[in-house]
PDB file of all heavy atoms in Angstrom:
ATOM      1  N   LEU A   1       0.830  -1.210   0.000  1.00  0.00           N
ATOM      2  CA  LEU A   1       0.000   0.000   0.000  1.00  0.00           C
ATOM      3  C   LEU A   1       0.862   1.257   0.000  1.00  0.00           C
ATOM      4  O   LEU A   1       0.521   2.261  -0.634  1.00  0.00           O
ATOM      5  CB  LEU A   1      -0.930   0.005   1.216  1.00  0.00           C
ATOM      6  CG  LEU A   1      -2.107  -0.971   1.179  1.00  0.00           C
ATOM      7  CD1 LEU A   1      -2.872  -0.915   2.498  1.00  0.00           C
ATOM      8  CD2 LEU A   1      -3.046  -0.640   0.021  1.00  0.00           C
ATOM      9  N   VAL A   2       1.969   1.215   0.722  1.00  0.00           N
ATOM     10  CA  VAL A   2       2.870   2.372   0.743  1.00  0.00           C
ATOM     11  C   VAL A   2       3.374   2.664  -0.667  1.00  0.00           C
ATOM     12  O   VAL A   2       3.416   3.821  -1.096  1.00  0.00           O
ATOM     13  CB  VAL A   2       4.055   2.122   1.707  1.00  0.00           C
ATOM     14  CG1 VAL A   2       5.109   3.214   1.562  1.00  0.00           C
ATOM     15  CG2 VAL A   2       3.551   2.069   3.146  1.00  0.00           C
ATOM     16  N   GLU A   3       3.753   1.608  -1.399  1.00  0.00           N
ATOM     17  CA  GLU A   3       4.201   1.807  -2.776  1.00  0.00           C
ATOM     18  C   GLU A   3       3.062   2.330  -3.655  1.00  0.00           C
ATOM     19  O   GLU A   3       3.274   3.157  -4.542  1.00  0.00           O
ATOM     20  CB  GLU A   3       4.756   0.500  -3.349  1.00  0.00           C
ATOM     21  CG  GLU A   3       6.082   0.078  -2.743  1.00  0.00           C
ATOM     22  CD  GLU A   3       6.841  -0.894  -3.627  1.00  0.00           C
ATOM     23  OE1 GLU A   3       6.499  -0.985  -4.835  1.00  0.00           O
ATOM     24  OE2 GLU A   3       7.777  -1.535  -3.118  1.00  0.00           O
ATOM     25  N   ALA A   4       1.847   1.842  -3.389  1.00  0.00           N
ATOM     26  CA  ALA A   4       0.707   2.317  -4.178  1.00  0.00           C
ATOM     27  C   ALA A   4       0.456   3.796  -3.937  1.00  0.00           C
ATOM     28  O   ALA A   4       0.226   4.562  -4.881  1.00  0.00           O
ATOM     29  CB  ALA A   4      -0.537   1.503  -3.812  1.00  0.00           C
ATOM     30  N   VAL A   5       0.504   4.193  -2.675  1.00  0.00           N
ATOM     31  CA  VAL A   5       0.282   5.604  -2.339  1.00  0.00           C
ATOM     32  C   VAL A   5       1.331   6.482  -3.015  1.00  0.00           C
ATOM     33  O   VAL A   5       1.050   7.579  -3.472  1.00  0.00           O
ATOM     34  CB  VAL A   5       0.321   5.790  -0.797  1.00  0.00           C
ATOM     35  CG1 VAL A   5       0.356   7.263  -0.433  1.00  0.00           C
ATOM     36  CG2 VAL A   5      -0.888   5.132  -0.153  1.00  0.00           C
ATOM     37  N   ARG A   6       2.562   5.963  -3.080  1.00  0.00           N
ATOM     38  CA  ARG A   6       3.655   6.744  -3.662  1.00  0.00           C
ATOM     39  C   ARG A   6       3.593   6.764  -5.194  1.00  0.00           C
ATOM     40  O   ARG A   6       3.916   7.783  -5.822  1.00  0.00           O
ATOM     41  CB  ARG A   6       4.988   6.149  -3.201  1.00  0.00           C
ATOM     42  CG  ARG A   6       6.196   6.982  -3.601  1.00  0.00           C
ATOM     43  CD  ARG A   6       7.447   6.530  -2.868  1.00  0.00           C
ATOM     44  NE  ARG A   6       7.766   5.134  -3.168  1.00  0.00           N
ATOM     45  CZ  ARG A   6       7.792   4.168  -2.269  1.00  0.00           C
ATOM     46  NH1 ARG A   6       7.517   4.438  -1.011  1.00  0.00           N
ATOM     47  NH2 ARG A   6       8.085   2.921  -2.599  1.00  0.00           N
ATOM     48  N   GLY A   7       3.169   5.647  -5.812  1.00  0.00           N
ATOM     49  CA  GLY A   7       3.290   5.557  -7.257  1.00  0.00           C
ATOM     50  C   GLY A   7       2.017   5.706  -8.063  1.00  0.00           C
ATOM     51  O   GLY A   7       2.054   6.146  -9.205  1.00  0.00           O
ATOM     52  N   TRP A   8       0.887   5.364  -7.490  1.00  0.00           N
ATOM     53  CA  TRP A   8      -0.348   5.372  -8.266  1.00  0.00           C
ATOM     54  C   TRP A   8      -0.839   6.739  -8.711  1.00  0.00           C
ATOM     55  O   TRP A   8      -1.492   6.837  -9.762  1.00  0.00           O
ATOM     56  CB  TRP A   8      -1.463   4.663  -7.486  1.00  0.00           C
ATOM     57  CG  TRP A   8      -1.318   3.166  -7.481  1.00  0.00           C
ATOM     58  CD1 TRP A   8      -0.206   2.446  -7.799  1.00  0.00           C
ATOM     59  CD2 TRP A   8      -2.329   2.208  -7.136  1.00  0.00           C
ATOM     60  NE1 TRP A   8      -0.445   1.099  -7.656  1.00  0.00           N
ATOM     61  CE2 TRP A   8      -1.747   0.922  -7.250  1.00  0.00           C
ATOM     62  CE3 TRP A   8      -3.647   2.313  -6.741  1.00  0.00           C
ATOM     63  CZ2 TRP A   8      -2.448  -0.240  -6.978  1.00  0.00           C
ATOM     64  CZ3 TRP A   8      -4.361   1.167  -6.467  1.00  0.00           C
ATOM     65  CH2 TRP A   8      -3.763  -0.098  -6.583  1.00  0.00           C
ATOM     66  N   PRO A   9      -0.594   7.800  -7.968  1.00  0.00           N
ATOM     67  CA  PRO A   9      -1.125   9.090  -8.467  1.00  0.00           C
ATOM     68  C   PRO A   9      -0.660   9.411  -9.875  1.00  0.00           C
ATOM     69  O   PRO A   9      -1.357  10.076 -10.637  1.00  0.00           O
ATOM     70  CB  PRO A   9      -0.550  10.098  -7.449  1.00  0.00           C
ATOM     71  CG  PRO A   9      -0.403   9.300  -6.194  1.00  0.00           C
ATOM     72  CD  PRO A   9       0.033   7.940  -6.662  1.00  0.00           C
ATOM     73  N   ASP A  10       0.552   8.933 -10.259  1.00  0.00           N
ATOM     74  CA  ASP A  10       1.078   9.218 -11.583  1.00  0.00           C
ATOM     75  C   ASP A  10       0.837   8.072 -12.574  1.00  0.00           C
ATOM     76  O   ASP A  10       0.820   8.278 -13.781  1.00  0.00           O
ATOM     77  CB  ASP A  10       2.597   9.484 -11.499  1.00  0.00           C
ATOM     78  CG  ASP A  10       2.901  10.657 -10.579  1.00  0.00           C
ATOM     79  OD1 ASP A  10       2.136  11.631 -10.614  1.00  0.00           O
ATOM     80  OD2 ASP A  10       3.895  10.571  -9.838  1.00  0.00           O
ATOM     81  N   ASP A  11       0.698   6.864 -12.090  1.00  0.00           N
ATOM     82  CA  ASP A  11       0.591   5.713 -12.994  1.00  0.00           C
ATOM     83  C   ASP A  11      -0.279   4.638 -12.348  1.00  0.00           C
ATOM     84  O   ASP A  11       0.211   3.643 -11.831  1.00  0.00           O
ATOM     85  CB  ASP A  11       1.997   5.168 -13.286  1.00  0.00           C
ATOM     86  CG  ASP A  11       1.959   4.052 -14.335  1.00  0.00           C
ATOM     87  OD1 ASP A  11       0.957   3.977 -15.072  1.00  0.00           O
ATOM     88  OD2 ASP A  11       2.934   3.279 -14.394  1.00  0.00           O
ATOM     89  N   SER A  12      -1.587   4.810 -12.412  1.00  0.00           N
ATOM     90  CA  SER A  12      -2.508   3.853 -11.802  1.00  0.00           C
ATOM     91  C   SER A  12      -2.607   2.610 -12.672  1.00  0.00           C
ATOM     92  O   SER A  12      -2.794   2.705 -13.889  1.00  0.00           O
ATOM     93  CB  SER A  12      -3.897   4.481 -11.646  1.00  0.00           C
ATOM     94  OG  SER A  12      -4.779   3.569 -11.045  1.00  0.00           O
ATOM     95  N   PRO A  13      -2.485   1.415 -12.086  1.00  0.00           N
ATOM     96  CA  PRO A  13      -2.512   0.181 -12.890  1.00  0.00           C
ATOM     97  C   PRO A  13      -3.921  -0.139 -13.381  1.00  0.00           C
ATOM     98  O   PRO A  13      -4.925   0.279 -12.787  1.00  0.00           O
ATOM     99  CB  PRO A  13      -2.025  -0.882 -11.898  1.00  0.00           C
ATOM    100  CG  PRO A  13      -2.420  -0.356 -10.561  1.00  0.00           C
ATOM    101  CD  PRO A  13      -2.271   1.134 -10.648  1.00  0.00           C
ATOM    102  N   ARG A  14      -3.985  -0.930 -14.456  1.00  0.00           N
ATOM    103  CA  ARG A  14      -5.292  -1.336 -14.973  1.00  0.00           C
ATOM    104  C   ARG A  14      -5.999  -2.299 -14.019  1.00  0.00           C
ATOM    105  O   ARG A  14      -7.220  -2.293 -13.903  1.00  0.00           O
ATOM    106  CB  ARG A  14      -5.119  -2.023 -16.337  1.00  0.00           C
ATOM    107  CG  ARG A  14      -4.613  -1.114 -17.433  1.00  0.00           C
ATOM    108  CD  ARG A  14      -4.492  -1.893 -18.746  1.00  0.00           C
ATOM    109  NE  ARG A  14      -4.000  -1.056 -19.830  1.00  0.00           N
ATOM    110  CZ  ARG A  14      -3.766  -1.497 -21.046  1.00  0.00           C
ATOM    111  NH1 ARG A  14      -4.010  -2.785 -21.342  1.00  0.00           N
ATOM    112  NH2 ARG A  14      -3.320  -0.688 -21.989  1.00  0.00           N
ATOM    113  N   ASP A  15      -5.199  -3.133 -13.350  1.00  0.00           N
ATOM    114  CA  ASP A  15      -5.747  -4.139 -12.435  1.00  0.00           C
ATOM    115  C   ASP A  15      -5.191  -3.873 -11.032  1.00  0.00           C
ATOM    116  O   ASP A  15      -4.171  -4.458 -10.631  1.00  0.00           O
ATOM    117  CB  ASP A  15      -5.360  -5.544 -12.908  1.00  0.00           C
ATOM    118  CG  ASP A  15      -5.894  -6.639 -11.978  1.00  0.00           C
ATOM    119  OD1 ASP A  15      -6.700  -6.315 -11.076  1.00  0.00           O
ATOM    120  OD2 ASP A  15      -5.478  -7.808 -12.143  1.00  0.00           O
ATOM    121  N   PRO A  16      -5.830  -2.976 -10.249  1.00  0.00           N
ATOM    122  CA  PRO A  16      -5.286  -2.606  -8.933  1.00  0.00           C
ATOM    123  C   PRO A  16      -5.090  -3.799  -8.008  1.00  0.00           C
ATOM    124  O   PRO A  16      -4.064  -3.910  -7.341  1.00  0.00           O
ATOM    125  CB  PRO A  16      -6.337  -1.644  -8.383  1.00  0.00           C
ATOM    126  CG  PRO A  16      -7.023  -1.099  -9.582  1.00  0.00           C
ATOM    127  CD  PRO A  16      -7.046  -2.224 -10.574  1.00  0.00           C
ATOM    128  N   LYS A  17      -6.074  -4.731  -8.007  1.00  0.00           N
ATOM    129  CA  LYS A  17      -5.948  -5.885  -7.128  1.00  0.00           C
ATOM    130  C   LYS A  17      -4.771  -6.763  -7.536  1.00  0.00           C
ATOM    131  O   LYS A  17      -3.969  -7.189  -6.687  1.00  0.00           O
ATOM    132  CB  LYS A  17      -7.234  -6.708  -7.135  1.00  0.00           C
ATOM    133  CG  LYS A  17      -7.162  -7.951  -6.235  1.00  0.00           C
ATOM    134  CD  LYS A  17      -8.442  -8.771  -6.293  1.00  0.00           C
ATOM    135  CE  LYS A  17      -8.300 -10.053  -5.479  1.00  0.00           C
ATOM    136  NZ  LYS A  17      -9.519 -10.897  -5.554  1.00  0.00           N
ATOM    137  N   GLY A  18      -4.643  -7.021  -8.820  1.00  0.00           N
ATOM    138  CA  GLY A  18      -3.538  -7.841  -9.298  1.00  0.00           C
ATOM    139  C   GLY A  18      -2.187  -7.206  -8.976  1.00  0.00           C
ATOM    140  O   GLY A  18      -1.239  -7.897  -8.596  1.00  0.00           O
ATOM    141  N   TRP A  19      -2.145  -5.877  -9.142  1.00  0.00           N
ATOM    142  CA  TRP A  19      -0.897  -5.166  -8.824  1.00  0.00           C
ATOM    143  C   TRP A  19      -0.554  -5.320  -7.351  1.00  0.00           C
ATOM    144  O   TRP A  19       0.594  -5.635  -7.002  1.00  0.00           O
ATOM    145  CB  TRP A  19      -1.067  -3.694  -9.178  1.00  0.00           C
ATOM    146  CG  TRP A  19       0.188  -2.865  -9.070  1.00  0.00           C
ATOM    147  CD1 TRP A  19       1.060  -2.547 -10.059  1.00  0.00           C
ATOM    148  CD2 TRP A  19       0.687  -2.245  -7.868  1.00  0.00           C
ATOM    149  NE1 TRP A  19       2.083  -1.782  -9.573  1.00  0.00           N
ATOM    150  CE2 TRP A  19       1.886  -1.573  -8.225  1.00  0.00           C
ATOM    151  CE3 TRP A  19       0.260  -2.194  -6.546  1.00  0.00           C
ATOM    152  CZ2 TRP A  19       2.641  -0.854  -7.304  1.00  0.00           C
ATOM    153  CZ3 TRP A  19       1.006  -1.489  -5.615  1.00  0.00           C
ATOM    154  CH2 TRP A  19       2.175  -0.828  -5.993  1.00  0.00           C
ATOM    155  N   LEU A  20      -1.539  -5.133  -6.490  1.00  0.00           N
ATOM    156  CA  LEU A  20      -1.300  -5.242  -5.054  1.00  0.00           C
ATOM    157  C   LEU A  20      -0.881  -6.655  -4.664  1.00  0.00           C
ATOM    158  O   LEU A  20       0.008  -6.852  -3.839  1.00  0.00           O
ATOM    159  CB  LEU A  20      -2.552  -4.832  -4.273  1.00  0.00           C
ATOM    160  CG  LEU A  20      -2.835  -3.334  -4.164  1.00  0.00           C
ATOM    161  CD1 LEU A  20      -4.198  -3.109  -3.510  1.00  0.00           C
ATOM    162  CD2 LEU A  20      -1.753  -2.636  -3.361  1.00  0.00           C
ATOM    163  N   VAL A  21      -1.540  -7.669  -5.253  1.00  0.00           N
ATOM    164  CA  VAL A  21      -1.182  -9.055  -4.951  1.00  0.00           C
ATOM    165  C   VAL A  21       0.266  -9.323  -5.349  1.00  0.00           C
ATOM    166  O   VAL A  21       1.047  -9.914  -4.576  1.00  0.00           O
ATOM    167  CB  VAL A  21      -2.125 -10.036  -5.675  1.00  0.00           C
ATOM    168  CG1 VAL A  21      -1.578 -11.464  -5.595  1.00  0.00           C
ATOM    169  CG2 VAL A  21      -3.520  -9.972  -5.061  1.00  0.00           C
ATOM    170  N   THR A  22       0.654  -8.874  -6.548  1.00  0.00           N
ATOM    171  CA  THR A  22       2.022  -9.115  -7.027  1.00  0.00           C
ATOM    172  C   THR A  22       3.059  -8.455  -6.124  1.00  0.00           C
ATOM    173  O   THR A  22       4.040  -9.078  -5.705  1.00  0.00           O
ATOM    174  CB  THR A  22       2.185  -8.588  -8.460  1.00  0.00           C
ATOM    175  OG1 THR A  22       1.265  -9.269  -9.320  1.00  0.00           O
ATOM    176  CG2 THR A  22       3.600  -8.794  -8.968  1.00  0.00           C
ATOM    177  N   VAL A  23       2.833  -7.179  -5.805  1.00  0.00           N
ATOM    178  CA  VAL A  23       3.810  -6.441  -4.988  1.00  0.00           C
ATOM    179  C   VAL A  23       3.833  -6.981  -3.564  1.00  0.00           C
ATOM    180  O   VAL A  23       4.903  -7.163  -2.963  1.00  0.00           O
ATOM    181  CB  VAL A  23       3.485  -4.932  -5.001  1.00  0.00           C
ATOM    182  CG1 VAL A  23       4.405  -4.182  -4.040  1.00  0.00           C
ATOM    183  CG2 VAL A  23       3.629  -4.389  -6.417  1.00  0.00           C
ATOM    184  N   ALA A  24       2.647  -7.265  -3.016  1.00  0.00           N
ATOM    185  CA  ALA A  24       2.593  -7.766  -1.641  1.00  0.00           C
ATOM    186  C   ALA A  24       3.264  -9.132  -1.529  1.00  0.00           C
ATOM    187  O   ALA A  24       3.965  -9.410  -0.553  1.00  0.00           O
ATOM    188  CB  ALA A  24       1.143  -7.847  -1.174  1.00  0.00           C
ATOM    189  N   TRP A  25       3.043  -9.999  -2.541  1.00  0.00           N
ATOM    190  CA  TRP A  25       3.682 -11.321  -2.486  1.00  0.00           C
ATOM    191  C   TRP A  25       5.203 -11.192  -2.565  1.00  0.00           C
ATOM    192  O   TRP A  25       5.938 -11.903  -1.882  1.00  0.00           O
ATOM    193  CB  TRP A  25       3.161 -12.183  -3.630  1.00  0.00           C
ATOM    194  CG  TRP A  25       3.695 -13.595  -3.614  1.00  0.00           C
ATOM    195  CD1 TRP A  25       4.542 -14.163  -4.511  1.00  0.00           C
ATOM    196  CD2 TRP A  25       3.423 -14.600  -2.633  1.00  0.00           C
ATOM    197  NE1 TRP A  25       4.809 -15.458  -4.161  1.00  0.00           N
ATOM    198  CE2 TRP A  25       4.141 -15.761  -3.010  1.00  0.00           C
ATOM    199  CE3 TRP A  25       2.639 -14.632  -1.483  1.00  0.00           C
ATOM    200  CZ2 TRP A  25       4.107 -16.933  -2.274  1.00  0.00           C
ATOM    201  CZ3 TRP A  25       2.598 -15.807  -0.741  1.00  0.00           C
ATOM    202  CH2 TRP A  25       3.325 -16.930  -1.127  1.00  0.00           C
ATOM    203  N   ARG A  26       5.674 -10.246  -3.387  1.00  0.00           N
ATOM    204  CA  ARG A  26       7.113 -10.009  -3.459  1.00  0.00           C
ATOM    205  C   ARG A  26       7.641  -9.516  -2.110  1.00  0.00           C
ATOM    206  O   ARG A  26       8.705  -9.954  -1.653  1.00  0.00           O
ATOM    207  CB  ARG A  26       7.426  -8.977  -4.548  1.00  0.00           C
ATOM    208  CG  ARG A  26       8.934  -8.808  -4.807  1.00  0.00           C
ATOM    209  CD  ARG A  26       9.208  -7.730  -5.836  1.00  0.00           C
ATOM    210  NE  ARG A  26       8.938  -6.409  -5.310  1.00  0.00           N
ATOM    211  CZ  ARG A  26       8.116  -5.525  -5.833  1.00  0.00           C
ATOM    212  NH1 ARG A  26       7.462  -5.825  -6.939  1.00  0.00           N
ATOM    213  NH2 ARG A  26       7.951  -4.345  -5.293  1.00  0.00           N
ATOM    214  N   LYS A  27       6.886  -8.634  -1.460  1.00  0.00           N
ATOM    215  CA  LYS A  27       7.290  -8.139  -0.140  1.00  0.00           C
ATOM    216  C   LYS A  27       7.329  -9.283   0.867  1.00  0.00           C
ATOM    217  O   LYS A  27       8.239  -9.362   1.705  1.00  0.00           O
ATOM    218  CB  LYS A  27       6.315  -7.064   0.340  1.00  0.00           C
ATOM    219  CG  LYS A  27       6.267  -5.810  -0.518  1.00  0.00           C
ATOM    220  CD  LYS A  27       7.490  -4.957  -0.324  1.00  0.00           C
ATOM    221  CE  LYS A  27       7.358  -3.635  -1.083  1.00  0.00           C
ATOM    222  NZ  LYS A  27       8.584  -2.811  -0.972  1.00  0.00           N
ATOM    223  N   PHE A  28       6.349 -10.156   0.774  1.00  0.00           N
ATOM    224  CA  PHE A  28       6.313 -11.299   1.695  1.00  0.00           C
ATOM    225  C   PHE A  28       7.530 -12.199   1.481  1.00  0.00           C
ATOM    226  O   PHE A  28       8.187 -12.615   2.446  1.00  0.00           O
ATOM    227  CB  PHE A  28       5.022 -12.087   1.480  1.00  0.00           C
ATOM    228  CG  PHE A  28       5.014 -13.429   2.162  1.00  0.00           C
ATOM    229  CD1 PHE A  28       4.910 -13.536   3.546  1.00  0.00           C
ATOM    230  CD2 PHE A  28       5.148 -14.596   1.414  1.00  0.00           C
ATOM    231  CE1 PHE A  28       4.930 -14.773   4.170  1.00  0.00           C
ATOM    232  CE2 PHE A  28       5.156 -15.835   2.035  1.00  0.00           C
ATOM    233  CZ  PHE A  28       5.053 -15.919   3.418  1.00  0.00           C
ATOM    234  N   LEU A  29       7.839 -12.515   0.231  1.00  0.00           N
ATOM    235  CA  LEU A  29       8.989 -13.376  -0.052  1.00  0.00           C
ATOM    236  C   LEU A  29      10.288 -12.725   0.413  1.00  0.00           C
ATOM    237  O   LEU A  29      11.180 -13.397   0.945  1.00  0.00           O
ATOM    238  CB  LEU A  29       9.052 -13.692  -1.548  1.00  0.00           C
ATOM    239  CG  LEU A  29       7.916 -14.559  -2.101  1.00  0.00           C
ATOM    240  CD1 LEU A  29       8.072 -14.746  -3.601  1.00  0.00           C
ATOM    241  CD2 LEU A  29       7.863 -15.911  -1.394  1.00  0.00           C
ATOM    242  N   ASP A  30      10.413 -11.404   0.215  1.00  0.00           N
ATOM    243  CA  ASP A  30      11.604 -10.701   0.697  1.00  0.00           C
ATOM    244  C   ASP A  30      11.739 -10.838   2.203  1.00  0.00           C
ATOM    245  O   ASP A  30      12.838 -11.049   2.727  1.00  0.00           O
ATOM    246  CB  ASP A  30      11.531  -9.224   0.318  1.00  0.00           C
ATOM    247  CG  ASP A  30      11.735  -8.987  -1.175  1.00  0.00           C
ATOM    248  OD1 ASP A  30      12.218  -9.914  -1.856  1.00  0.00           O
ATOM    249  OD2 ASP A  30      11.409  -7.884  -1.656  1.00  0.00           O
ATOM    250  N   ALA A  31      10.605 -10.712   2.901  1.00  0.00           N
ATOM    251  CA  ALA A  31      10.624 -10.820   4.366  1.00  0.00           C
ATOM    252  C   ALA A  31      11.001 -12.233   4.804  1.00  0.00           C
ATOM    253  O   ALA A  31      11.752 -12.427   5.768  1.00  0.00           O
ATOM    254  CB  ALA A  31       9.264 -10.425   4.939  1.00  0.00           C
ATOM    255  N   VAL A  32      10.473 -13.233   4.082  1.00  0.00           N
ATOM    256  CA  VAL A  32      10.805 -14.630   4.411  1.00  0.00           C
ATOM    257  C   VAL A  32      12.292 -14.886   4.220  1.00  0.00           C
ATOM    258  O   VAL A  32      12.957 -15.512   5.053  1.00  0.00           O
ATOM    259  CB  VAL A  32       9.971 -15.597   3.540  1.00  0.00           C
ATOM    260  CG1 VAL A  32      10.484 -17.025   3.691  1.00  0.00           C
ATOM    261  CG2 VAL A  32       8.508 -15.530   3.950  1.00  0.00           C
ATOM    262  N   ARG A  33      12.831 -14.393   3.079  1.00  0.00           N
ATOM    263  CA  ARG A  33      14.262 -14.589   2.831  1.00  0.00           C
ATOM    264  C   ARG A  33      15.104 -13.879   3.884  1.00  0.00           C
ATOM    265  O   ARG A  33      16.111 -14.420   4.362  1.00  0.00           O
ATOM    266  CB  ARG A  33      14.620 -14.084   1.428  1.00  0.00           C
ATOM    267  CG  ARG A  33      14.183 -15.036   0.316  1.00  0.00           C
ATOM    268  CD  ARG A  33      14.785 -14.626  -1.006  1.00  0.00           C
ATOM    269  NE  ARG A  33      14.179 -13.406  -1.530  1.00  0.00           N
ATOM    270  CZ  ARG A  33      13.136 -13.397  -2.355  1.00  0.00           C
ATOM    271  NH1 ARG A  33      12.610 -14.541  -2.764  1.00  0.00           N
ATOM    272  NH2 ARG A  33      12.640 -12.261  -2.789  1.00  0.00           N
ATOM    273  N   ALA A  34      14.688 -12.658   4.265  1.00  0.00           N
ATOM    274  CA  ALA A  34      15.426 -11.915   5.291  1.00  0.00           C
ATOM    275  C   ALA A  34      15.388 -12.645   6.623  1.00  0.00           C
ATOM    276  O   ALA A  34      16.387 -12.716   7.342  1.00  0.00           O
ATOM    277  CB  ALA A  34      14.852 -10.506   5.436  1.00  0.00           C
ATOM    278  N   ASP A  35      14.214 -13.216   6.932  1.00  0.00           N
ATOM    279  CA  ASP A  35      14.092 -13.951   8.192  1.00  0.00           C
ATOM    280  C   ASP A  35      14.949 -15.214   8.172  1.00  0.00           C
ATOM    281  O   ASP A  35      15.585 -15.579   9.163  1.00  0.00           O
ATOM    282  CB  ASP A  35      12.626 -14.311   8.439  1.00  0.00           C
ATOM    283  CG  ASP A  35      12.414 -14.959   9.804  1.00  0.00           C
ATOM    284  OD1 ASP A  35      12.693 -14.300  10.818  1.00  0.00           O
ATOM    285  OD2 ASP A  35      11.971 -16.117   9.845  1.00  0.00           O
ATOM    286  N   ALA A  36      14.978 -15.881   7.021  1.00  0.00           N
ATOM    287  CA  ALA A  36      15.802 -17.091   6.907  1.00  0.00           C
ATOM    288  C   ALA A  36      17.279 -16.751   7.070  1.00  0.00           C
ATOM    289  O   ALA A  36      18.033 -17.473   7.734  1.00  0.00           O
ATOM    290  CB  ALA A  36      15.557 -17.766   5.560  1.00  0.00           C
ATOM    291  N   SER A  37      17.690 -15.618   6.479  1.00  0.00           N
ATOM    292  CA  SER A  37      19.091 -15.200   6.623  1.00  0.00           C
ATOM    293  C   SER A  37      19.405 -14.888   8.074  1.00  0.00           C
ATOM    294  O   SER A  37      20.476 -15.236   8.589  1.00  0.00           O
ATOM    295  CB  SER A  37      19.358 -13.969   5.751  1.00  0.00           C
ATOM    296  OG  SER A  37      19.181 -14.273   4.386  1.00  0.00           O
ATOM    297  N   ARG A  38      18.461 -14.222   8.754  1.00  0.00           N
ATOM    298  CA  ARG A  38      18.679 -13.892  10.162  1.00  0.00           C
ATOM    299  C   ARG A  38      18.821 -15.166  10.983  1.00  0.00           C
ATOM    300  O   ARG A  38      19.702 -15.271  11.851  1.00  0.00           O
ATOM    301  CB  ARG A  38      17.509 -13.067  10.686  1.00  0.00           C
ATOM    302  CG  ARG A  38      17.610 -12.741  12.168  1.00  0.00           C
ATOM    303  CD  ARG A  38      16.369 -12.023  12.651  1.00  0.00           C
ATOM    304  NE  ARG A  38      15.155 -12.816  12.478  1.00  0.00           N
ATOM    305  CZ  ARG A  38      14.799 -13.790  13.297  1.00  0.00           C
ATOM    306  NH1 ARG A  38      15.558 -14.115  14.333  1.00  0.00           N
ATOM    307  NH2 ARG A  38      13.687 -14.467  13.080  1.00  0.00           N
ATOM    308  N   ARG A  39      17.953 -16.149  10.706  1.00  0.00           N
ATOM    309  CA  ARG A  39      18.021 -17.405  11.446  1.00  0.00           C
ATOM    310  C   ARG A  39      19.352 -18.121  11.217  1.00  0.00           C
ATOM    311  O   ARG A  39      19.924 -18.713  12.147  1.00  0.00           O
ATOM    312  CB  ARG A  39      16.853 -18.311  11.058  1.00  0.00           C
ATOM    313  CG  ARG A  39      15.506 -17.808  11.545  1.00  0.00           C
ATOM    314  CD  ARG A  39      14.388 -18.732  11.119  1.00  0.00           C
ATOM    315  NE  ARG A  39      13.094 -18.197  11.484  1.00  0.00           N
ATOM    316  CZ  ARG A  39      12.546 -18.344  12.686  1.00  0.00           C
ATOM    317  NH1 ARG A  39      13.199 -19.019  13.626  1.00  0.00           N
ATOM    318  NH2 ARG A  39      11.358 -17.836  12.951  1.00  0.00           N
ATOM    319  N   ARG A  40      19.852 -18.080   9.957  1.00  0.00           N
ATOM    320  CA  ARG A  40      21.141 -18.720   9.691  1.00  0.00           C
ATOM    321  C   ARG A  40      22.258 -18.036  10.468  1.00  0.00           C
ATOM    322  O   ARG A  40      23.157 -18.705  10.998  1.00  0.00           O
ATOM    323  CB  ARG A  40      21.441 -18.685   8.180  1.00  0.00           C
ATOM    324  CG  ARG A  40      20.648 -19.706   7.375  1.00  0.00           C
ATOM    325  CD  ARG A  40      21.222 -19.865   5.983  1.00  0.00           C
ATOM    326  NE  ARG A  40      21.108 -18.637   5.191  1.00  0.00           N
ATOM    327  CZ  ARG A  40      20.051 -18.335   4.456  1.00  0.00           C
ATOM    328  NH1 ARG A  40      19.007 -19.157   4.412  1.00  0.00           N
ATOM    329  NH2 ARG A  40      20.027 -17.216   3.751  1.00  0.00           N
ATOM    330  N   ARG A  41      22.188 -16.697  10.540  1.00  0.00           N
ATOM    331  CA  ARG A  41      23.203 -15.971  11.320  1.00  0.00           C
ATOM    332  C   ARG A  41      23.120 -16.361  12.788  1.00  0.00           C
ATOM    333  O   ARG A  41      24.143 -16.529  13.462  1.00  0.00           O
ATOM    334  CB  ARG A  41      23.019 -14.460  11.150  1.00  0.00           C
ATOM    335  CG  ARG A  41      23.366 -13.942   9.766  1.00  0.00           C
ATOM    336  CD  ARG A  41      23.488 -12.436   9.761  1.00  0.00           C
ATOM    337  NE  ARG A  41      22.269 -11.761  10.167  1.00  0.00           N
ATOM    338  CZ  ARG A  41      21.308 -11.408   9.319  1.00  0.00           C
ATOM    339  NH1 ARG A  41      21.435 -11.679   8.026  1.00  0.00           N
ATOM    340  NH2 ARG A  41      20.218 -10.788   9.746  1.00  0.00           N
ATOM    341  N   GLU A  42      21.886 -16.484  13.299  1.00  0.00           N
ATOM    342  CA  GLU A  42      21.723 -16.861  14.700  1.00  0.00           C
ATOM    343  C   GLU A  42      22.259 -18.263  14.966  1.00  0.00           C
ATOM    344  O   GLU A  42      22.877 -18.523  16.004  1.00  0.00           O
ATOM    345  CB  GLU A  42      20.243 -16.777  15.090  1.00  0.00           C
ATOM    346  CG  GLU A  42      19.702 -15.350  15.141  1.00  0.00           C
ATOM    347  CD  GLU A  42      18.208 -15.307  15.413  1.00  0.00           C
ATOM    348  OE1 GLU A  42      17.571 -16.388  15.375  1.00  0.00           O
ATOM    349  OE2 GLU A  42      17.678 -14.210  15.654  1.00  0.00           O
ATOM    350  N   GLU A  43      22.012 -19.171  14.003  1.00  0.00           N
ATOM    351  CA  GLU A  43      22.508 -20.539  14.174  1.00  0.00           C
ATOM    352  C   GLU A  43      24.033 -20.574  14.192  1.00  0.00           C
ATOM    353  O   GLU A  43      24.653 -21.338  14.941  1.00  0.00           O
ATOM    354  CB  GLU A  43      21.972 -21.425  13.054  1.00  0.00           C
ATOM    355  CG  GLU A  43      20.478 -21.697  13.180  1.00  0.00           C
ATOM    356  CD  GLU A  43      19.912 -22.347  11.935  1.00  0.00           C
ATOM    357  OE1 GLU A  43      20.681 -22.549  10.959  1.00  0.00           O
ATOM    358  OE2 GLU A  43      18.700 -22.656  11.918  1.00  0.00           O
ATOM    359  N   LEU A  44      24.668 -19.736  13.358  1.00  0.00           N
ATOM    360  CA  LEU A  44      26.127 -19.665  13.352  1.00  0.00           C
ATOM    361  C   LEU A  44      26.653 -19.134  14.683  1.00  0.00           C
ATOM    362  O   LEU A  44      27.651 -19.618  15.210  1.00  0.00           O
ATOM    363  CB  LEU A  44      26.602 -18.767  12.208  1.00  0.00           C
ATOM    364  CG  LEU A  44      26.438 -19.342  10.788  1.00  0.00           C
ATOM    365  CD1 LEU A  44      26.796 -18.297   9.750  1.00  0.00           C
ATOM    366  CD2 LEU A  44      27.305 -20.586  10.620  1.00  0.00           C
TER     367      LEU A  44
END
């Protein structure tokens, strides 16, 4: 939503829901990878 607030006023997507799902899923995967990296550091 933060990215939407920042970017949509100039370039609103044709499929707002699809755009949000794509960006949110990418954010989720980034968070999962970051958490996995943190856990590996903790294990070390």
